[in-house]
Each structure stands twice: as structure tokens, then as C-alpha cells.
Protein backbone atom coordinates (compact mmCIF):
# COMPACT_ATOMS: atom_id res chain seq x y z
CA MET A 1 -1.00 -11.51 20.02
CA GLU A 2 1.77 -9.91 18.27
CA ALA A 3 0.00 -9.47 15.15
CA LEU A 4 -2.67 -8.46 17.04
CA GLY A 5 -0.58 -5.27 19.11
CA ARG A 6 0.34 -4.29 15.52
CA LEU A 7 -3.03 -3.08 14.42
CA GLY A 8 -3.91 -1.30 18.11
CA GLU A 9 -7.18 -0.41 18.50
CA ASP A 10 -8.67 -1.96 15.46
CA ALA A 11 -8.03 -5.54 17.58
CA LYS A 12 -10.04 -4.01 20.81
CA ALA A 13 -12.47 -6.89 20.16
CA ALA A 14 -9.36 -9.32 21.69
CA ILE A 15 -9.20 -6.79 24.71
CA PRO A 16 -11.11 -9.90 26.82
CA LYS A 17 -9.44 -12.88 25.23
CA LEU A 18 -6.00 -11.20 26.05
CA LEU A 19 -6.72 -10.11 29.34
CA GLU A 20 -7.96 -13.83 30.08
CA LEU A 21 -4.56 -14.82 28.53
CA ALA A 22 -2.35 -12.30 30.29
CA GLU A 23 -3.55 -14.35 33.91
CA SER A 24 -1.22 -17.44 32.10
CA GLU A 25 2.44 -16.55 33.47
CA LYS A 26 3.70 -18.28 30.12
CA GLN A 27 1.61 -15.98 28.01
CA MET A 28 1.27 -12.79 30.29
CA VAL A 29 3.93 -10.66 28.06
CA GLY A 30 2.61 -11.24 24.67
CA ALA A 31 -1.19 -10.19 26.28
CA ILE A 32 0.37 -7.29 28.50
CA SER A 33 2.32 -6.32 25.44
CA ALA A 34 -0.35 -6.54 22.77
CA LEU A 35 -3.02 -4.29 25.59
CA SER A 36 -0.79 -1.57 25.59
CA SER A 37 -1.48 -0.76 22.13
CA MET A 38 -5.32 -0.99 22.21
CA GLY A 39 -5.71 2.61 23.54
CA ASP A 40 -8.57 3.43 26.47
CA ASP A 41 -11.02 0.45 26.30
CA ALA A 42 -8.01 -2.04 27.25
CA ILE A 43 -7.24 0.44 30.42
CA PRO A 44 -9.68 -1.19 33.26
CA GLY A 45 -8.74 -4.61 32.97
CA LEU A 46 -5.16 -3.38 32.86
CA ILE A 47 -5.40 -1.84 36.28
CA ASN A 48 -7.78 -4.88 37.60
CA LEU A 49 -4.54 -6.84 36.37
CA TYR A 50 -1.96 -3.95 38.11
CA ARG A 51 -3.74 -4.22 41.74
CA HIS A 52 -4.69 -8.40 41.74
CA GLY A 53 -2.00 -9.96 39.62
CA THR A 54 0.92 -11.90 40.45
CA ASN A 55 4.42 -9.56 40.80
CA LYS A 56 5.29 -10.38 37.35
CA GLN A 57 2.14 -9.37 35.98
CA TYR A 58 1.84 -6.32 37.53
CA LEU A 59 5.36 -5.37 36.27
CA TRP A 60 4.66 -5.33 33.01
CA VAL A 61 1.21 -3.63 33.36
CA ALA A 62 2.94 -1.00 34.54
CA ARG A 63 5.22 -1.19 31.43
CA ALA A 64 1.79 -1.32 29.37
CA PHE A 65 1.32 2.35 31.01
CA ARG A 66 4.32 3.35 30.55
CA THR A 67 3.79 2.80 26.62
CA GLN A 68 0.51 4.25 26.98
CA GLY A 69 1.67 7.11 28.61
CA ALA A 70 -0.80 10.25 29.05
CA ASN A 71 -3.44 7.27 27.60
CA ALA A 72 -3.48 5.59 31.13
CA ALA A 73 -4.40 8.71 33.43
CA ALA A 74 -7.37 6.31 34.64
CA ALA A 75 -4.59 4.64 36.13
CA VAL A 76 -3.37 7.11 38.35
CA PRO A 77 -5.15 6.55 41.38
CA THR A 78 -4.14 2.97 41.80
CA LEU A 79 -0.91 4.03 41.18
CA MET A 80 -0.65 6.93 43.71
CA ALA A 81 -2.01 3.98 46.39
CA ASP A 82 0.66 2.47 45.93
CA LEU A 83 3.12 5.26 46.63
CA GLN A 84 1.58 4.53 50.34
CA SER A 85 2.71 0.78 50.00
CA SER A 86 4.41 -0.76 52.45
CA ARG A 87 6.34 -2.84 49.92
CA SER A 88 9.74 -1.24 48.57
CA GLN A 89 8.90 -2.68 44.84
CA ARG A 90 5.35 -1.80 44.95
CA VAL A 91 6.27 2.22 45.93
CA THR A 92 9.35 2.47 43.52
CA THR A 93 7.47 0.90 40.49
CA ALA A 94 4.39 3.20 40.78
CA ALA A 95 6.60 6.39 40.69
CA TRP A 96 8.46 5.40 37.72
CA THR A 97 4.74 4.47 35.65
CA LEU A 98 3.23 7.94 37.12
CA GLY A 99 6.17 9.98 35.74
CA TYR A 100 5.79 8.43 32.10
CA ILE A 101 2.16 9.30 32.63
CA GLY A 102 3.07 12.73 32.71
CA ASP A 103 1.65 15.82 33.31
CA LYS A 104 -2.15 13.91 34.11
CA ALA A 105 0.30 12.71 37.02
CA LYS A 106 -0.03 16.09 38.74
CA ALA A 107 -1.49 14.71 41.88
CA ALA A 108 1.06 12.23 42.84
CA VAL A 109 3.59 15.11 43.23
CA PRO A 110 3.74 15.66 46.65
CA ARG A 111 3.93 12.33 47.48
CA LEU A 112 6.50 12.26 44.57
CA ALA A 113 8.69 15.28 46.64
CA GLU A 114 8.72 13.27 49.41
CA LEU A 115 9.78 10.16 48.29
CA ILE A 116 12.79 11.66 46.65
CA GLN A 117 14.64 11.81 50.14
CA ALA A 118 14.09 8.06 50.31
CA GLY A 119 16.33 5.98 51.81
CA ASP A 120 16.33 3.44 49.33
CA PRO A 121 18.65 4.65 46.49
CA GLN A 122 16.72 3.01 43.95
CA LEU A 123 13.54 4.27 44.99
CA ARG A 124 15.00 8.01 45.26
CA VAL A 125 16.49 7.85 41.56
CA LEU A 126 13.25 6.81 40.15
CA ALA A 127 11.09 9.35 42.18
CA ALA A 128 13.14 12.28 41.24
CA GLU A 129 13.11 11.26 37.60
CA ALA A 130 9.61 10.94 37.73
CA LEU A 131 8.95 14.45 39.65
CA TRP A 132 11.06 15.58 36.54
CA ARG A 133 8.75 14.04 33.82
CA ILE A 134 5.84 15.42 35.81
CA ASP A 135 6.69 18.67 36.90
CA GLN A 136 10.49 19.81 36.08
CA GLN A 137 11.02 20.71 39.51
CA THR A 138 14.61 21.36 38.43
CA ASN A 139 15.93 22.09 41.70
CA ALA A 140 15.25 19.13 43.98
CA VAL A 141 15.66 17.02 41.33
CA LEU A 142 19.68 17.75 39.70
CA ARG A 143 20.41 17.38 43.43
CA VAL A 144 19.40 13.88 43.81
CA MET A 145 20.96 13.08 39.79
CA VAL A 146 23.87 15.02 40.58
CA SER A 147 24.77 12.90 43.97
CA GLU A 148 23.72 9.83 42.06
CA LEU A 149 26.46 10.28 39.74
CA SER A 150 29.03 11.52 42.12
CA ASP A 151 27.90 8.22 43.67
CA TRP A 152 28.68 5.81 40.82
CA SER A 153 31.99 8.23 40.11
CA LYS A 154 33.19 6.52 43.45
CA ASN A 155 33.33 3.12 42.81
CA PRO A 156 31.43 2.52 38.59
CA ASN A 157 31.97 -1.01 39.27
CA ALA A 158 30.56 -2.42 42.17
CA LEU A 159 27.85 0.14 41.79
CA ARG A 160 27.09 -1.44 38.62
CA ALA A 161 27.11 -5.04 40.43
CA GLN A 162 24.08 -3.66 42.37
CA THR A 163 22.21 -1.46 39.86
CA THR A 164 21.82 -3.73 36.81
CA ARG A 165 19.70 -6.14 38.84
CA GLY A 166 15.89 -6.43 38.28
CA PHE A 167 13.81 -4.32 36.43
CA PHE A 168 14.56 -1.23 36.26
CA LYS A 169 18.09 0.25 34.34
CA PRO A 170 21.28 0.90 36.14
CA ARG A 171 20.37 3.93 38.39
CA GLU A 172 23.73 5.95 36.89
CA GLU A 173 22.23 5.62 33.58
CA THR A 174 18.62 7.36 34.92
CA ALA A 175 20.78 9.97 36.29
CA ALA A 176 22.75 10.61 33.34
CA GLU A 177 20.21 10.84 31.08
CA VAL A 178 17.54 13.19 32.97
CA VAL A 179 20.64 15.71 33.62
CA GLY A 180 20.63 16.11 30.12
CA GLU A 181 17.10 16.53 29.69
CA ILE A 182 17.56 19.09 32.23
CA GLY A 183 20.28 20.86 30.40
CA PRO A 184 22.50 23.70 31.33
CA VAL A 185 21.59 24.25 34.43
CA ALA A 186 22.84 21.11 35.27
CA SER A 187 26.60 21.71 34.05
CA GLU A 188 27.86 20.55 37.60
CA ALA A 189 27.05 17.16 36.30
CA ILE A 190 29.34 17.22 33.63
CA PRO A 191 32.60 15.77 35.41
CA PHE A 192 30.74 12.71 36.30
CA LEU A 193 29.20 12.67 32.72
CA GLN A 194 33.05 12.53 31.15
CA LYS A 195 33.84 10.46 33.52
CA MET A 196 30.91 7.74 32.47
CA LEU A 197 31.79 8.07 28.81
CA ARG A 198 35.39 7.40 29.23
CA ARG A 199 35.14 4.22 32.00
CA SER A 200 31.48 2.99 31.88
CA TYR A 201 29.62 0.60 29.49
CA ASP A 202 28.28 0.38 26.21
CA SER A 203 24.22 1.79 27.60
CA ASN A 204 25.64 4.13 30.06
CA LYS A 205 28.31 5.76 27.32
CA GLU A 206 25.38 6.36 25.13
CA ALA A 207 23.23 8.09 27.93
CA ALA A 208 26.68 10.51 28.96
CA ALA A 209 27.20 10.91 25.34
CA GLY A 210 23.60 11.71 24.43
CA SER A 211 23.20 14.20 27.76
CA LEU A 212 26.60 16.01 26.95
CA LYS A 213 25.31 17.14 23.60
CA LYS A 214 22.18 18.50 24.56
CA ILE A 215 23.86 20.39 27.81
CA ALA A 216 26.59 21.47 25.37
CA ARG A 217 23.51 22.43 22.12
CA GLN A 218 21.89 24.11 25.08
CA SER A 219 24.23 26.60 25.96
CA LEU A 220 24.38 27.59 22.57
């Protein structure tokens, strides 16, 4: 499976077998990872697996869509349907994935704009990240990310314990990365990023350092 994944679209004849293997929990990760490199021909099978697979399967398929980016545009209607789900994890995963599809997921912008008001902080941050990646609505996104960094700064260790569990990176790390991408307009986040640089863990420090450099560089 690893070798087929490296071959990418040249190995698309293996797609049916890989989809079959993806039904097995033991083979799922390797099969879906290989499928993520096989282009448009793999998308219909991955969409079906996303819709009907187990929790673990649909999460790994979401990662495959993230890897494919704009090439996974055919999955947008399915992902948008999940933005209305009663299951928080489905909504959060769909929002996160749509962000990496980018411009071709613009139909999701109105719903994502609603979700940045969600009570669930993980959903709120990932919906804001997606909104930034699709449409770069700076004012709305910046407000969410600065609020997240502010909450983190009040009790870094407690919030870390809440956010390092699960499928996604810590919320404050996502917030740090996005404010760096926003650039000088996000200068109000600088004190929080400086605190993260002094008092956080490796991945957070890297995110904070990278964002501070981007804000400074773009200000020149």
C-alpha cells in the first residue's frame, strides 16, 4: 500500500482493491493514505466510505480529502451536509476538511460563518480556520483566533490538557498559525504569541515563532 501510494495516479488500477482493504480496521490507514494520492478516480469511493464508514474510517477519509485539497471538490456537497449534522464530531470534521479544499468550497461560507459563533470551542476555531482558508474574512476570523489565544494565556496547562486529546491539533496552535497568515492586521495577537513562545510546548512554540516572523516580515 505504501508503494502504491508513492506511485500515485499511475497506480489507480489498485483503487478498487484499496477501497476493499479500507473496510478493514487493520488495513484502513494504509489503504486510505494510498488512495489520497490517486487523484479524481479515487474520490467517489472515498466519498462513499466517508458517508457510510465507521468513525475511524470517515476521519481518515477526511484527512485524505485534506491531502487532495481542491481535487476533492466533488466531496463538498457531502461535507456540507455534515455541517448540519446533530453529531458535533461530524460537523467539526466537515468544517476542518472544507477549509483545505479551499476556493472550491465557497458554497460552505454562510454556514461556516454561523459556526464561528458555536458554543463548542473546537468547532468554533476550526470553522474560523476554514473560513479563513476559503474566503479570508479577516475581521470575523481574527476575533475568534485572538479570543482563543487570550483564553489559552490565562491557563496554558489546563487548556492544553483539554485540547491535545483527539484527532485535531491543539486549538491554540491552530489560532497561532492562522493569525500569522493574517499578518500585520493581527498585531493584537502579538502579546499572546510572545507568551506562547516562552511558556508553551514544542509544536506551539514553533507555531508562535513562525507567526511572529510572518507578522513582522509583512509589516516591513
